[in-house]
Amino acid sequence: MLSDTKVELLNKSDVVFKKSLPASGSVSPLLISDFSELEKGGVRYAPTEPVLQTFTLPIELNKPISTESELELVFIFETTRDVTIILDDIGITTAI
């Protein structure tokens, strides 16, 4: 799944960063859950739960940009099967 994900950073005229997430990265499998004892009437619960993970991607720009530049962060998901992707809390920090 990760090898099918690409991240791009664009300014108004060009791509300044482009990277595929490494195939060696791991995505945890879904947790198997059993809430069958809570199911009543027409209420049914999914047999799995998502596992939320944090990924860090160092960004090295292809070319220098102005500090006033407006940038666009693009995530490209090219999946070959039916998947659900939860993307939340995107943060950008300077190098530590």
PDB file of N, CA and C in Angstrom:
ATOM      1  N   MET A   1       0.824  -1.206   0.000  1.00  0.00           N
ATOM      2  CA  MET A   1       0.000   0.000   0.000  1.00  0.00           C
ATOM      3  C   MET A   1       0.859   1.258   0.000  1.00  0.00           C
ATOM      4  N   LEU A   2       1.899   1.334   0.844  1.00  0.00           N
ATOM      5  CA  LEU A   2       2.693   2.549   0.904  1.00  0.00           C
ATOM      6  C   LEU A   2       3.382   2.854  -0.426  1.00  0.00           C
ATOM      7  N   SER A   3       3.791   1.829  -1.146  1.00  0.00           N
ATOM      8  CA  SER A   3       4.500   2.068  -2.407  1.00  0.00           C
ATOM      9  C   SER A   3       3.576   2.690  -3.451  1.00  0.00           C
ATOM     10  N   ASP A   4       2.270   2.656  -3.211  1.00  0.00           N
ATOM     11  CA  ASP A   4       1.308   3.266  -4.121  1.00  0.00           C
ATOM     12  C   ASP A   4       0.967   4.698  -3.720  1.00  0.00           C
ATOM     13  N   THR A   5       1.671   5.242  -2.731  1.00  0.00           N
ATOM     14  CA  THR A   5       1.372   6.581  -2.234  1.00  0.00           C
ATOM     15  C   THR A   5       2.520   7.524  -2.570  1.00  0.00           C
ATOM     16  N   LYS A   6       2.149   8.686  -3.122  1.00  0.00           N
ATOM     17  CA  LYS A   6       3.143   9.687  -3.481  1.00  0.00           C
ATOM     18  C   LYS A   6       2.775  11.011  -2.811  1.00  0.00           C
ATOM     19  N   VAL A   7       3.812  11.775  -2.461  1.00  0.00           N
ATOM     20  CA  VAL A   7       3.616  13.096  -1.868  1.00  0.00           C
ATOM     21  C   VAL A   7       4.337  14.097  -2.751  1.00  0.00           C
ATOM     22  N   GLU A   8       3.639  15.193  -3.067  1.00  0.00           N
ATOM     23  CA  GLU A   8       4.240  16.264  -3.870  1.00  0.00           C
ATOM     24  C   GLU A   8       4.040  17.593  -3.163  1.00  0.00           C
ATOM     25  N   LEU A   9       5.011  18.466  -3.311  1.00  0.00           N
ATOM     26  CA  LEU A   9       4.921  19.827  -2.811  1.00  0.00           C
ATOM     27  C   LEU A   9       5.113  20.725  -4.020  1.00  0.00           C
ATOM     28  N   LEU A  10       4.126  21.591  -4.276  1.00  0.00           N
ATOM     29  CA  LEU A  10       4.158  22.418  -5.478  1.00  0.00           C
ATOM     30  C   LEU A  10       4.108  23.895  -5.113  1.00  0.00           C
ATOM     31  N   ASN A  11       4.852  24.714  -5.862  1.00  0.00           N
ATOM     32  CA  ASN A  11       4.642  26.154  -5.761  1.00  0.00           C
ATOM     33  C   ASN A  11       3.785  26.536  -6.963  1.00  0.00           C
ATOM     34  N   LYS A  12       3.612  27.817  -7.254  1.00  0.00           N
ATOM     35  CA  LYS A  12       2.699  28.227  -8.320  1.00  0.00           C
ATOM     36  C   LYS A  12       3.116  27.750  -9.704  1.00  0.00           C
ATOM     37  N   SER A  13       4.401  27.474  -9.908  1.00  0.00           N
ATOM     38  CA  SER A  13       4.834  27.158 -11.263  1.00  0.00           C
ATOM     39  C   SER A  13       5.524  25.810 -11.426  1.00  0.00           C
ATOM     40  N   ASP A  14       5.809  25.100 -10.327  1.00  0.00           N
ATOM     41  CA  ASP A  14       6.635  23.914 -10.479  1.00  0.00           C
ATOM     42  C   ASP A  14       6.480  22.970  -9.289  1.00  0.00           C
ATOM     43  N   VAL A  15       6.885  21.732  -9.482  1.00  0.00           N
ATOM     44  CA  VAL A  15       6.977  20.764  -8.389  1.00  0.00           C
ATOM     45  C   VAL A  15       8.330  20.977  -7.718  1.00  0.00           C
ATOM     46  N   VAL A  16       8.333  21.248  -6.412  1.00  0.00           N
ATOM     47  CA  VAL A  16       9.591  21.480  -5.704  1.00  0.00           C
ATOM     48  C   VAL A  16      10.000  20.283  -4.852  1.00  0.00           C
ATOM     49  N   PHE A  17       9.102  19.315  -4.724  1.00  0.00           N
ATOM     50  CA  PHE A  17       9.406  18.083  -3.991  1.00  0.00           C
ATOM     51  C   PHE A  17       8.450  17.003  -4.479  1.00  0.00           C
ATOM     52  N   LYS A  18       8.991  15.805  -4.704  1.00  0.00           N
ATOM     53  CA  LYS A  18       8.153  14.679  -5.130  1.00  0.00           C
ATOM     54  C   LYS A  18       8.786  13.404  -4.610  1.00  0.00           C
ATOM     55  N   LYS A  19       7.993  12.585  -3.931  1.00  0.00           N
ATOM     56  CA  LYS A  19       8.550  11.361  -3.375  1.00  0.00           C
ATOM     57  C   LYS A  19       7.465  10.304  -3.228  1.00  0.00           C
ATOM     58  N   SER A  20       7.827   9.064  -3.556  1.00  0.00           N
ATOM     59  CA  SER A  20       6.963   7.921  -3.270  1.00  0.00           C
ATOM     60  C   SER A  20       7.315   7.432  -1.880  1.00  0.00           C
ATOM     61  N   LEU A  21       6.320   7.043  -1.130  1.00  0.00           N
ATOM     62  CA  LEU A  21       6.608   6.492   0.183  1.00  0.00           C
ATOM     63  C   LEU A  21       7.261   5.124  -0.006  1.00  0.00           C
ATOM     64  N   PRO A  22       8.233   4.791   0.809  1.00  0.00           N
ATOM     65  CA  PRO A  22       9.005   3.563   0.594  1.00  0.00           C
ATOM     66  C   PRO A  22       8.167   2.306   0.743  1.00  0.00           C
ATOM     67  N   ALA A  23       8.432   1.346  -0.132  1.00  0.00           N
ATOM     68  CA  ALA A  23       7.726   0.064  -0.065  1.00  0.00           C
ATOM     69  C   ALA A  23       8.087  -0.684   1.206  1.00  0.00           C
ATOM     70  N   SER A  24       9.234  -0.351   1.800  1.00  0.00           N
ATOM     71  CA  SER A  24       9.661  -1.045   3.010  1.00  0.00           C
ATOM     72  C   SER A  24       8.898  -0.584   4.243  1.00  0.00           C
ATOM     73  N   GLY A  25       8.172   0.527   4.142  1.00  0.00           N
ATOM     74  CA  GLY A  25       7.377   0.990   5.268  1.00  0.00           C
ATOM     75  C   GLY A  25       6.285  -0.011   5.574  1.00  0.00           C
ATOM     76  N   SER A  26       5.862  -0.032   6.801  1.00  0.00           N
ATOM     77  CA  SER A  26       4.849  -1.026   7.147  1.00  0.00           C
ATOM     78  C   SER A  26       3.569  -0.336   7.580  1.00  0.00           C
ATOM     79  N   VAL A  27       2.470  -0.928   7.170  1.00  0.00           N
ATOM     80  CA  VAL A  27       1.163  -0.483   7.605  1.00  0.00           C
ATOM     81  C   VAL A  27       0.608  -1.600   8.475  1.00  0.00           C
ATOM     82  N   SER A  28       0.242  -1.258   9.679  1.00  0.00           N
ATOM     83  CA  SER A  28      -0.289  -2.276  10.589  1.00  0.00           C
ATOM     84  C   SER A  28      -1.608  -2.814  10.066  1.00  0.00           C
ATOM     85  N   PRO A  29      -1.843  -4.106  10.249  1.00  0.00           N
ATOM     86  CA  PRO A  29      -3.120  -4.675   9.812  1.00  0.00           C
ATOM     87  C   PRO A  29      -4.249  -4.193  10.711  1.00  0.00           C
ATOM     88  N   LEU A  30      -5.462  -4.314  10.219  1.00  0.00           N
ATOM     89  CA  LEU A  30      -6.630  -3.941  11.008  1.00  0.00           C
ATOM     90  C   LEU A  30      -6.734  -4.835  12.240  1.00  0.00           C
ATOM     91  N   LEU A  31      -7.228  -4.250  13.330  1.00  0.00           N
ATOM     92  CA  LEU A  31      -7.475  -5.038  14.535  1.00  0.00           C
ATOM     93  C   LEU A  31      -8.772  -5.818  14.356  1.00  0.00           C
ATOM     94  N   ILE A  32      -8.776  -7.056  14.756  1.00  0.00           N
ATOM     95  CA  ILE A  32      -9.988  -7.868  14.722  1.00  0.00           C
ATOM     96  C   ILE A  32     -10.721  -7.603  16.033  1.00  0.00           C
ATOM     97  N   SER A  33     -11.981  -7.266  15.939  1.00  0.00           N
ATOM     98  CA  SER A  33     -12.756  -6.970  17.145  1.00  0.00           C
ATOM     99  C   SER A  33     -14.049  -7.775  17.123  1.00  0.00           C
ATOM    100  N   ASP A  34     -14.572  -8.044  18.294  1.00  0.00           N
ATOM    101  CA  ASP A  34     -15.814  -8.800  18.392  1.00  0.00           C
ATOM    102  C   ASP A  34     -16.760  -8.065  19.333  1.00  0.00           C
ATOM    103  N   PHE A  35     -17.676  -7.334  18.739  1.00  0.00           N
ATOM    104  CA  PHE A  35     -18.683  -6.620  19.509  1.00  0.00           C
ATOM    105  C   PHE A  35     -20.053  -7.276  19.326  1.00  0.00           C
ATOM    106  N   SER A  36     -20.048  -8.552  18.961  1.00  0.00           N
ATOM    107  CA  SER A  36     -21.306  -9.234  18.654  1.00  0.00           C
ATOM    108  C   SER A  36     -22.271  -9.225  19.841  1.00  0.00           C
ATOM    109  N   GLU A  37     -21.735  -9.232  21.071  1.00  0.00           N
ATOM    110  CA  GLU A  37     -22.631  -9.229  22.232  1.00  0.00           C
ATOM    111  C   GLU A  37     -23.383  -7.903  22.376  1.00  0.00           C
ATOM    112  N   LEU A  38     -22.907  -6.847  21.701  1.00  0.00           N
ATOM    113  CA  LEU A  38     -23.577  -5.547  21.754  1.00  0.00           C
ATOM    114  C   LEU A  38     -24.591  -5.365  20.630  1.00  0.00           C
ATOM    115  N   GLU A  39     -24.588  -6.267  19.670  1.00  0.00           N
ATOM    116  CA  GLU A  39     -25.487  -6.147  18.529  1.00  0.00           C
ATOM    117  C   GLU A  39     -26.904  -6.545  18.927  1.00  0.00           C
ATOM    118  N   LYS A  40     -27.839  -5.643  18.656  1.00  0.00           N
ATOM    119  CA  LYS A  40     -29.249  -5.908  18.961  1.00  0.00           C
ATOM    120  C   LYS A  40     -30.079  -5.357  17.818  1.00  0.00           C
ATOM    121  N   GLY A  41     -31.121  -6.039  17.482  1.00  0.00           N
ATOM    122  CA  GLY A  41     -31.987  -5.592  16.399  1.00  0.00           C
ATOM    123  C   GLY A  41     -31.214  -5.496  15.105  1.00  0.00           C
ATOM    124  N   GLY A  42     -31.269  -4.346  14.461  1.00  0.00           N
ATOM    125  CA  GLY A  42     -30.574  -4.143  13.189  1.00  0.00           C
ATOM    126  C   GLY A  42     -29.185  -3.556  13.344  1.00  0.00           C
ATOM    127  N   VAL A  43     -28.705  -3.394  14.581  1.00  0.00           N
ATOM    128  CA  VAL A  43     -27.395  -2.789  14.814  1.00  0.00           C
ATOM    129  C   VAL A  43     -26.305  -3.849  14.656  1.00  0.00           C
ATOM    130  N   ARG A  44     -25.372  -3.594  13.736  1.00  0.00           N
ATOM    131  CA  ARG A  44     -24.242  -4.500  13.506  1.00  0.00           C
ATOM    132  C   ARG A  44     -22.959  -3.687  13.562  1.00  0.00           C
ATOM    133  N   TYR A  45     -21.899  -4.295  14.075  1.00  0.00           N
ATOM    134  CA  TYR A  45     -20.606  -3.629  14.169  1.00  0.00           C
ATOM    135  C   TYR A  45     -19.616  -4.284  13.217  1.00  0.00           C
ATOM    136  N   ALA A  46     -18.716  -3.488  12.686  1.00  0.00           N
ATOM    137  CA  ALA A  46     -17.688  -4.004  11.782  1.00  0.00           C
ATOM    138  C   ALA A  46     -16.786  -4.965  12.544  1.00  0.00           C
ATOM    139  N   PRO A  47     -16.299  -6.009  11.872  1.00  0.00           N
ATOM    140  CA  PRO A  47     -15.435  -6.979  12.555  1.00  0.00           C
ATOM    141  C   PRO A  47     -13.991  -6.510  12.715  1.00  0.00           C
ATOM    142  N   THR A  48     -13.674  -5.330  12.191  1.00  0.00           N
ATOM    143  CA  THR A  48     -12.309  -4.813  12.296  1.00  0.00           C
ATOM    144  C   THR A  48     -12.321  -3.352  12.721  1.00  0.00           C
ATOM    145  N   GLU A  49     -11.183  -2.895  13.213  1.00  0.00           N
ATOM    146  CA  GLU A  49     -11.001  -1.486  13.587  1.00  0.00           C
ATOM    147  C   GLU A  49      -9.710  -0.981  12.962  1.00  0.00           C
ATOM    148  N   PRO A  50      -9.688   0.284  12.528  1.00  0.00           N
ATOM    149  CA  PRO A  50      -8.453   0.810  11.956  1.00  0.00           C
ATOM    150  C   PRO A  50      -7.375   0.995  13.021  1.00  0.00           C
ATOM    151  N   VAL A  51      -6.131   0.935  12.583  1.00  0.00           N
ATOM    152  CA  VAL A  51      -4.983   1.198  13.454  1.00  0.00           C
ATOM    153  C   VAL A  51      -4.359   2.491  12.940  1.00  0.00           C
ATOM    154  N   LEU A  52      -4.469   3.556  13.727  1.00  0.00           N
ATOM    155  CA  LEU A  52      -3.924   4.839  13.307  1.00  0.00           C
ATOM    156  C   LEU A  52      -2.422   4.853  13.558  1.00  0.00           C
ATOM    157  N   GLN A  53      -1.666   5.389  12.599  1.00  0.00           N
ATOM    158  CA  GLN A  53      -0.212   5.414  12.696  1.00  0.00           C
ATOM    159  C   GLN A  53       0.312   6.791  12.326  1.00  0.00           C
ATOM    160  N   THR A  54       1.516   7.084  12.769  1.00  0.00           N
ATOM    161  CA  THR A  54       2.187   8.331  12.437  1.00  0.00           C
ATOM    162  C   THR A  54       3.346   8.027  11.505  1.00  0.00           C
ATOM    163  N   PHE A  55       3.436   8.786  10.422  1.00  0.00           N
ATOM    164  CA  PHE A  55       4.536   8.660   9.480  1.00  0.00           C
ATOM    165  C   PHE A  55       5.245  10.005   9.398  1.00  0.00           C
ATOM    166  N   THR A  56       6.563   9.962   9.312  1.00  0.00           N
ATOM    167  CA  THR A  56       7.363  11.165   9.155  1.00  0.00           C
ATOM    168  C   THR A  56       8.075  11.072   7.816  1.00  0.00           C
ATOM    169  N   LEU A  57       7.988  12.138   7.032  1.00  0.00           N
ATOM    170  CA  LEU A  57       8.606  12.163   5.713  1.00  0.00           C
ATOM    171  C   LEU A  57       9.487  13.403   5.607  1.00  0.00           C
ATOM    172  N   PRO A  58      10.816  13.233   5.652  1.00  0.00           N
ATOM    173  CA  PRO A  58      11.705  14.392   5.488  1.00  0.00           C
ATOM    174  C   PRO A  58      11.543  14.974   4.083  1.00  0.00           C
ATOM    175  N   ILE A  59      11.457  16.277   4.004  1.00  0.00           N
ATOM    176  CA  ILE A  59      11.283  16.954   2.710  1.00  0.00           C
ATOM    177  C   ILE A  59      12.564  17.683   2.350  1.00  0.00           C
ATOM    178  N   GLU A  60      13.127  17.335   1.211  1.00  0.00           N
ATOM    179  CA  GLU A  60      14.294  18.022   0.671  1.00  0.00           C
ATOM    180  C   GLU A  60      13.873  18.631  -0.658  1.00  0.00           C
ATOM    181  N   LEU A  61      13.865  19.955  -0.726  1.00  0.00           N
ATOM    182  CA  LEU A  61      13.370  20.642  -1.919  1.00  0.00           C
ATOM    183  C   LEU A  61      14.313  20.471  -3.099  1.00  0.00           C
ATOM    184  N   ASN A  62      13.726  20.350  -4.292  1.00  0.00           N
ATOM    185  CA  ASN A  62      14.502  20.245  -5.533  1.00  0.00           C
ATOM    186  C   ASN A  62      15.168  21.561  -5.905  1.00  0.00           C
ATOM    187  N   LYS A  63      14.574  22.665  -5.466  1.00  0.00           N
ATOM    188  CA  LYS A  63      15.085  24.001  -5.782  1.00  0.00           C
ATOM    189  C   LYS A  63      14.736  24.943  -4.646  1.00  0.00           C
ATOM    190  N   PRO A  64      15.506  26.000  -4.476  1.00  0.00           N
ATOM    191  CA  PRO A  64      15.198  26.951  -3.404  1.00  0.00           C
ATOM    192  C   PRO A  64      13.877  27.672  -3.683  1.00  0.00           C
ATOM    193  N   ILE A  65      13.166  28.003  -2.615  1.00  0.00           N
ATOM    194  CA  ILE A  65      11.917  28.746  -2.755  1.00  0.00           C
ATOM    195  C   ILE A  65      11.940  29.929  -1.805  1.00  0.00           C
ATOM    196  N   SER A  66      11.145  30.905  -2.123  1.00  0.00           N
ATOM    197  CA  SER A  66      11.018  32.086  -1.286  1.00  0.00           C
ATOM    198  C   SER A  66      10.225  31.730  -0.037  1.00  0.00           C
ATOM    199  N   THR A  67      10.554  32.361   1.077  1.00  0.00           N
ATOM    200  CA  THR A  67       9.813  32.099   2.311  1.00  0.00           C
ATOM    201  C   THR A  67       8.375  32.603   2.221  1.00  0.00           C
ATOM    202  N   GLU A  68       8.092  33.478   1.254  1.00  0.00           N
ATOM    203  CA  GLU A  68       6.735  33.979   1.069  1.00  0.00           C
ATOM    204  C   GLU A  68       5.942  33.131   0.076  1.00  0.00           C
ATOM    205  N   SER A  69       6.550  32.102  -0.477  1.00  0.00           N
ATOM    206  CA  SER A  69       5.883  31.274  -1.479  1.00  0.00           C
ATOM    207  C   SER A  69       4.683  30.544  -0.885  1.00  0.00           C
ATOM    208  N   GLU A  70       3.604  30.501  -1.671  1.00  0.00           N
ATOM    209  CA  GLU A  70       2.465  29.667  -1.314  1.00  0.00           C
ATOM    210  C   GLU A  70       2.729  28.289  -1.887  1.00  0.00           C
ATOM    211  N   LEU A  71       2.588  27.276  -1.034  1.00  0.00           N
ATOM    212  CA  LEU A  71       2.861  25.907  -1.460  1.00  0.00           C
ATOM    213  C   LEU A  71       1.607  25.068  -1.328  1.00  0.00           C
ATOM    214  N   GLU A  72       1.522  24.052  -2.159  1.00  0.00           N
ATOM    215  CA  GLU A  72       0.407  23.120  -2.117  1.00  0.00           C
ATOM    216  C   GLU A  72       0.966  21.726  -1.836  1.00  0.00           C
ATOM    217  N   LEU A  73       0.429  21.061  -0.832  1.00  0.00           N
ATOM    218  CA  LEU A  73       0.842  19.711  -0.467  1.00  0.00           C
ATOM    219  C   LEU A  73      -0.180  18.741  -1.049  1.00  0.00           C
ATOM    220  N   VAL A  74       0.301  17.784  -1.864  1.00  0.00           N
ATOM    221  CA  VAL A  74      -0.589  16.868  -2.578  1.00  0.00           C
ATOM    222  C   VAL A  74      -0.255  15.430  -2.187  1.00  0.00           C
ATOM    223  N   PHE A  75      -1.268  14.671  -1.828  1.00  0.00           N
ATOM    224  CA  PHE A  75      -1.124  13.239  -1.566  1.00  0.00           C
ATOM    225  C   PHE A  75      -1.806  12.496  -2.701  1.00  0.00           C
ATOM    226  N   ILE A  76      -1.104  11.538  -3.298  1.00  0.00           N
ATOM    227  CA  ILE A  76      -1.643  10.761  -4.408  1.00  0.00           C
ATOM    228  C   ILE A  76      -1.703   9.305  -3.964  1.00  0.00           C
ATOM    229  N   PHE A  77      -2.906   8.756  -3.935  1.00  0.00           N
ATOM    230  CA  PHE A  77      -3.111   7.366  -3.545  1.00  0.00           C
ATOM    231  C   PHE A  77      -3.550   6.594  -4.781  1.00  0.00           C
ATOM    232  N   GLU A  78      -2.719   5.676  -5.239  1.00  0.00           N
ATOM    233  CA  GLU A  78      -3.037   4.850  -6.403  1.00  0.00           C
ATOM    234  C   GLU A  78      -3.222   3.418  -5.914  1.00  0.00           C
ATOM    235  N   THR A  79      -4.410   3.092  -5.499  1.00  0.00           N
ATOM    236  CA  THR A  79      -4.652   1.777  -4.915  1.00  0.00           C
ATOM    237  C   THR A  79      -5.118   0.793  -5.979  1.00  0.00           C
ATOM    238  N   THR A  80      -4.786  -0.454  -5.770  1.00  0.00           N
ATOM    239  CA  THR A  80      -5.191  -1.507  -6.693  1.00  0.00           C
ATOM    240  C   THR A  80      -6.304  -2.367  -6.098  1.00  0.00           C
ATOM    241  N   ARG A  81      -6.731  -2.007  -4.899  1.00  0.00           N
ATOM    242  CA  ARG A  81      -7.827  -2.735  -4.261  1.00  0.00           C
ATOM    243  C   ARG A  81      -8.665  -1.742  -3.462  1.00  0.00           C
ATOM    244  N   ASP A  82      -9.791  -2.201  -2.979  1.00  0.00           N
ATOM    245  CA  ASP A  82     -10.711  -1.356  -2.217  1.00  0.00           C
ATOM    246  C   ASP A  82     -10.136  -1.102  -0.826  1.00  0.00           C
ATOM    247  N   VAL A  83      -9.779   0.156  -0.540  1.00  0.00           N
ATOM    248  CA  VAL A  83      -9.200   0.503   0.756  1.00  0.00           C
ATOM    249  C   VAL A  83      -9.859   1.758   1.297  1.00  0.00           C
ATOM    250  N   THR A  84      -9.743   1.934   2.595  1.00  0.00           N
ATOM    251  CA  THR A  84     -10.164   3.166   3.241  1.00  0.00           C
ATOM    252  C   THR A  84      -8.923   3.814   3.815  1.00  0.00           C
ATOM    253  N   ILE A  85      -8.742   5.107   3.546  1.00  0.00           N
ATOM    254  CA  ILE A  85      -7.570   5.835   4.036  1.00  0.00           C
ATOM    255  C   ILE A  85      -8.061   6.942   4.955  1.00  0.00           C
ATOM    256  N   ILE A  86      -7.519   6.986   6.151  1.00  0.00           N
ATOM    257  CA  ILE A  86      -7.834   8.050   7.101  1.00  0.00           C
ATOM    258  C   ILE A  86      -6.606   8.942   7.180  1.00  0.00           C
ATOM    259  N   LEU A  87      -6.753  10.199   6.788  1.00  0.00           N
ATOM    260  CA  LEU A  87      -5.643  11.147   6.781  1.00  0.00           C
ATOM    261  C   LEU A  87      -6.024  12.297   7.709  1.00  0.00           C
ATOM    262  N   ASP A  88      -5.227  12.501   8.753  1.00  0.00           N
ATOM    263  CA  ASP A  88      -5.606  13.481   9.778  1.00  0.00           C
ATOM    264  C   ASP A  88      -4.356  14.082  10.392  1.00  0.00           C
ATOM    265  N   ASP A  89      -4.489  15.278  10.910  1.00  0.00           N
ATOM    266  CA  ASP A  89      -3.433  15.941  11.658  1.00  0.00           C
ATOM    267  C   ASP A  89      -2.094  15.978  10.906  1.00  0.00           C
ATOM    268  N   ILE A  90      -2.076  16.683   9.795  1.00  0.00           N
ATOM    269  CA  ILE A  90      -0.857  16.840   9.034  1.00  0.00           C
ATOM    270  C   ILE A  90      -0.067  17.995   9.640  1.00  0.00           C
ATOM    271  N   GLY A  91       1.194  17.754   9.935  1.00  0.00           N
ATOM    272  CA  GLY A  91       2.013  18.786  10.539  1.00  0.00           C
ATOM    273  C   GLY A  91       3.284  18.986   9.755  1.00  0.00           C
ATOM    274  N   ILE A  92       3.788  20.202   9.761  1.00  0.00           N
ATOM    275  CA  ILE A  92       5.044  20.529   9.093  1.00  0.00           C
ATOM    276  C   ILE A  92       5.914  21.241  10.116  1.00  0.00           C
ATOM    277  N   THR A  93       7.150  20.737  10.291  1.00  0.00           N
ATOM    278  CA  THR A  93       8.069  21.342  11.231  1.00  0.00           C
ATOM    279  C   THR A  93       9.399  21.571  10.554  1.00  0.00           C
ATOM    280  N   THR A  94      10.211  22.412  11.137  1.00  0.00           N
ATOM    281  CA  THR A  94      11.557  22.605  10.641  1.00  0.00           C
ATOM    282  C   THR A  94      12.429  21.486  11.205  1.00  0.00           C
ATOM    283  N   ALA A  95      13.584  21.295  10.593  1.00  0.00           N
ATOM    284  CA  ALA A  95      14.487  20.238  11.054  1.00  0.00           C
ATOM    285  C   ALA A  95      14.914  20.495  12.490  1.00  0.00           C
ATOM    286  N   ILE A  96      15.014  19.433  13.231  1.00  0.00           N
ATOM    287  CA  ILE A  96      15.397  19.558  14.650  1.00  0.00           C
ATOM    288  C   ILE A  96      16.859  19.220  14.803  1.00  0.00           C
TER     289      ILE A  96
END
